[in-house]
Protein backbone atom coordinates (compact mmCIF):
# COMPACT_ATOMS: atom_id res chain seq x y z
CA MET A 1 -76.91 130.14 -48.39
CA PRO A 2 -73.30 129.56 -47.35
CA THR A 3 -71.10 127.54 -49.58
CA LEU A 4 -69.33 124.25 -48.74
CA GLY A 5 -66.29 126.29 -47.63
CA GLY A 6 -68.30 128.53 -45.36
CA ARG A 7 -69.53 128.30 -41.85
CA GLN A 8 -72.45 125.80 -42.39
CA PRO A 9 -70.34 122.72 -42.53
CA LYS A 10 -68.30 123.69 -39.49
CA LEU A 11 -71.42 124.21 -37.53
CA THR A 12 -72.87 120.87 -38.60
CA ALA A 13 -69.67 119.15 -37.63
CA THR A 14 -69.60 120.73 -34.32
CA LEU A 15 -73.19 120.13 -33.56
CA LEU A 16 -72.76 116.27 -34.54
CA LEU A 17 -69.65 116.13 -32.30
CA LEU A 18 -71.55 117.59 -29.47
CA SER A 19 -74.70 115.32 -30.02
CA CYS A 20 -72.33 112.32 -29.93
CA ALA A 21 -70.66 113.39 -26.86
CA PHE A 22 -73.88 113.68 -24.97
CA TRP A 23 -75.55 110.51 -26.44
CA PRO A 24 -76.74 108.19 -23.77
CA VAL A 25 -74.39 105.12 -23.43
CA PRO A 26 -76.12 101.71 -23.04
CA PRO A 27 -75.97 100.52 -19.47
CA ALA A 28 -74.14 97.42 -20.35
CA LEU A 29 -71.26 99.53 -21.76
CA ALA A 30 -71.50 102.26 -19.05
CA LYS A 31 -70.77 99.84 -16.16
CA GLY A 32 -67.75 98.32 -17.57
CA PRO A 33 -67.00 94.59 -17.81
CA LEU A 34 -70.35 92.64 -17.52
CA LEU A 35 -68.93 90.03 -15.20
CA VAL A 36 -67.89 92.35 -12.30
CA GLY A 37 -70.28 91.68 -9.34
CA LYS A 38 -71.55 88.78 -7.26
CA TRP A 39 -72.93 85.62 -9.08
CA GLN A 40 -74.73 82.45 -7.90
CA ILE A 41 -73.81 79.60 -10.28
CA THR A 42 -73.97 75.76 -10.43
CA ILE A 43 -71.16 73.79 -11.98
CA THR A 44 -72.14 70.30 -13.26
CA MET A 45 -69.14 68.05 -13.93
CA PRO A 46 -68.13 64.37 -13.69
CA ALA A 47 -67.79 63.03 -10.11
CA SER A 48 -64.30 61.71 -11.10
CA PRO A 49 -62.00 61.18 -14.01
CA GLY A 50 -63.88 59.56 -16.91
CA SER A 51 -67.12 59.05 -14.69
CA ASN A 52 -70.49 59.12 -16.28
CA GLN A 53 -71.82 60.11 -12.95
CA LYS A 54 -72.37 63.92 -12.81
CA SER A 55 -72.37 66.18 -9.68
CA ASN A 56 -73.69 69.54 -9.15
CA HIS A 57 -71.48 72.26 -7.37
CA PRO A 58 -73.29 75.47 -6.40
CA VAL A 59 -70.85 78.31 -5.82
CA THR A 60 -70.81 82.04 -5.30
CA LEU A 61 -68.48 84.10 -7.49
CA ASN A 62 -67.37 87.44 -6.19
CA VAL A 63 -65.77 89.19 -9.33
CA SER A 64 -63.68 92.11 -8.64
CA PRO A 65 -62.92 94.83 -11.23
CA MET A 66 -59.70 94.51 -13.10
CA ASP A 67 -56.72 96.79 -12.27
CA ASP A 68 -56.00 99.66 -14.67
CA GLY A 69 -54.09 98.26 -17.66
CA SER A 70 -54.56 94.62 -16.63
CA LEU A 71 -55.87 91.99 -18.97
CA ASN A 72 -57.33 89.88 -16.24
CA GLY A 73 -59.05 90.27 -12.88
CA ARG A 74 -59.32 88.58 -9.67
CA LEU A 75 -62.40 86.77 -8.12
CA THR A 76 -63.20 84.60 -5.02
CA VAL A 77 -65.15 81.38 -5.26
CA THR A 78 -67.16 80.27 -2.16
CA ASP A 79 -68.67 76.87 -2.14
CA GLN A 80 -71.61 75.40 -0.30
CA ASP A 81 -69.41 74.57 2.73
CA ASN A 82 -68.48 78.27 2.90
CA LYS A 83 -64.86 77.38 1.87
CA THR A 84 -63.45 80.15 -0.29
CA VAL A 85 -60.50 79.98 -2.85
CA SER A 86 -59.21 82.63 -5.34
CA GLY A 87 -59.18 82.61 -9.03
CA VAL A 88 -58.83 84.86 -12.14
CA TRP A 89 -61.17 85.83 -15.01
CA ARG A 90 -61.12 87.51 -18.28
CA GLU A 91 -63.74 89.14 -20.50
CA VAL A 92 -63.58 89.97 -24.24
CA GLY A 93 -66.92 91.33 -25.39
CA LYS A 94 -69.61 88.93 -23.83
CA MET A 95 -67.22 86.03 -23.76
CA ILE A 96 -65.78 85.14 -20.44
CA SER A 97 -63.20 82.80 -19.04
CA ILE A 98 -62.66 81.89 -15.38
CA THR A 99 -60.10 79.79 -13.88
CA TYR A 100 -59.67 78.35 -10.33
CA GLU A 101 -58.84 75.35 -8.18
CA PRO A 102 -61.68 74.25 -5.90
CA VAL A 103 -60.93 73.17 -2.31
CA CYS A 104 -59.48 69.79 -2.35
CA ASP A 105 -59.87 67.30 0.47
CA ALA A 106 -57.36 64.52 0.52
CA SER A 107 -60.10 62.16 1.85
CA GLN A 108 -62.00 62.39 -1.35
CA ALA A 109 -62.22 59.51 -3.80
CA ALA A 110 -61.71 61.89 -6.82
CA PRO A 111 -58.45 63.60 -7.33
CA CYS A 112 -58.04 67.44 -7.06
CA ALA A 113 -58.62 69.45 -10.08
CA THR A 114 -58.35 72.87 -11.99
CA LEU A 115 -61.59 74.15 -13.47
CA ILE A 116 -61.70 76.42 -16.46
CA LEU A 117 -65.14 77.92 -17.24
CA LEU A 118 -65.58 79.34 -20.78
CA GLY A 119 -68.94 80.95 -21.69
CA ARG A 120 -70.89 84.20 -22.39
CA VAL A 121 -72.63 86.86 -20.33
CA LYS A 122 -76.24 87.06 -21.52
CA GLY A 123 -79.53 88.80 -20.59
CA GLY A 124 -77.95 92.17 -20.55
CA GLY A 125 -75.34 91.16 -18.00
CA THR A 126 -77.53 89.12 -15.66
CA ILE A 127 -77.03 85.48 -16.76
CA VAL A 128 -73.88 83.49 -17.44
CA LYS A 129 -73.56 80.09 -19.01
CA GLY A 130 -71.04 77.90 -20.81
CA GLN A 131 -68.85 74.92 -20.63
CA VAL A 132 -66.44 73.71 -18.01
CA ILE A 133 -63.12 71.98 -18.71
CA VAL A 134 -61.91 69.88 -15.68
CA GLN A 135 -58.20 69.18 -15.59
CA TRP A 136 -57.81 66.46 -12.87
CA ASP A 137 -54.64 66.09 -10.93
CA SER A 138 -54.13 62.54 -12.24
CA GLN A 139 -51.65 61.76 -15.08
CA ASP A 140 -52.75 60.28 -18.49
CA SER A 141 -49.91 59.98 -20.87
CA ARG A 142 -52.44 59.40 -23.73
CA ASN A 143 -53.90 62.82 -23.23
CA PRO A 144 -52.07 65.79 -24.88
CA ALA A 145 -52.54 67.67 -21.59
CA LEU A 146 -50.76 64.84 -19.84
CA TYR A 147 -53.53 64.78 -17.33
CA ASP A 148 -57.09 63.39 -17.20
CA THR A 149 -59.53 66.01 -18.47
CA ASP A 150 -63.42 65.96 -18.60
CA ASN A 151 -66.09 68.41 -19.70
CA GLY A 152 -69.02 69.90 -17.81
CA LYS A 153 -71.35 72.96 -17.81
CA PHE A 154 -72.14 75.90 -15.80
CA SER A 155 -74.95 78.51 -15.59
CA GLY A 156 -75.87 81.12 -13.10
CA GLN A 157 -77.37 84.52 -12.37
CA LEU A 158 -76.24 87.84 -11.16
CA ALA A 159 -76.94 88.01 -7.36
CA GLU A 160 -76.00 91.62 -6.59
């Protein structure tokens, strides 16, 4: 039997390295960021700053892959009126953040807003859910952000 300094340990180390190299990669890791793809989500948020009335906003997210070396990616958001805006996203592990400004109509009673979606990808990369921070375009000197802010929620599923 070879000793510790013989060929047996080198052969064992070589076989271990080869087996690791050909070990199947879990699908979630193999395809890259879990958020890349087309998503159908519903955002539930106050109808206006400080309102107790909630409104649902179904949207389609088309999330593009990040460029090499980038820490964030681009996406488009299409609302139920087929109006599209752009936004950005970031993913760290299963945690995601998405930021965009919905289409703003000056005739609306509510002011325009920026939405920040913070959540998780679940179900092996097929479900998203989390909270929404709404930063309205109306000033509020009592708020540390200096603008009215509200909270909501979102959830959705991978469409493609």
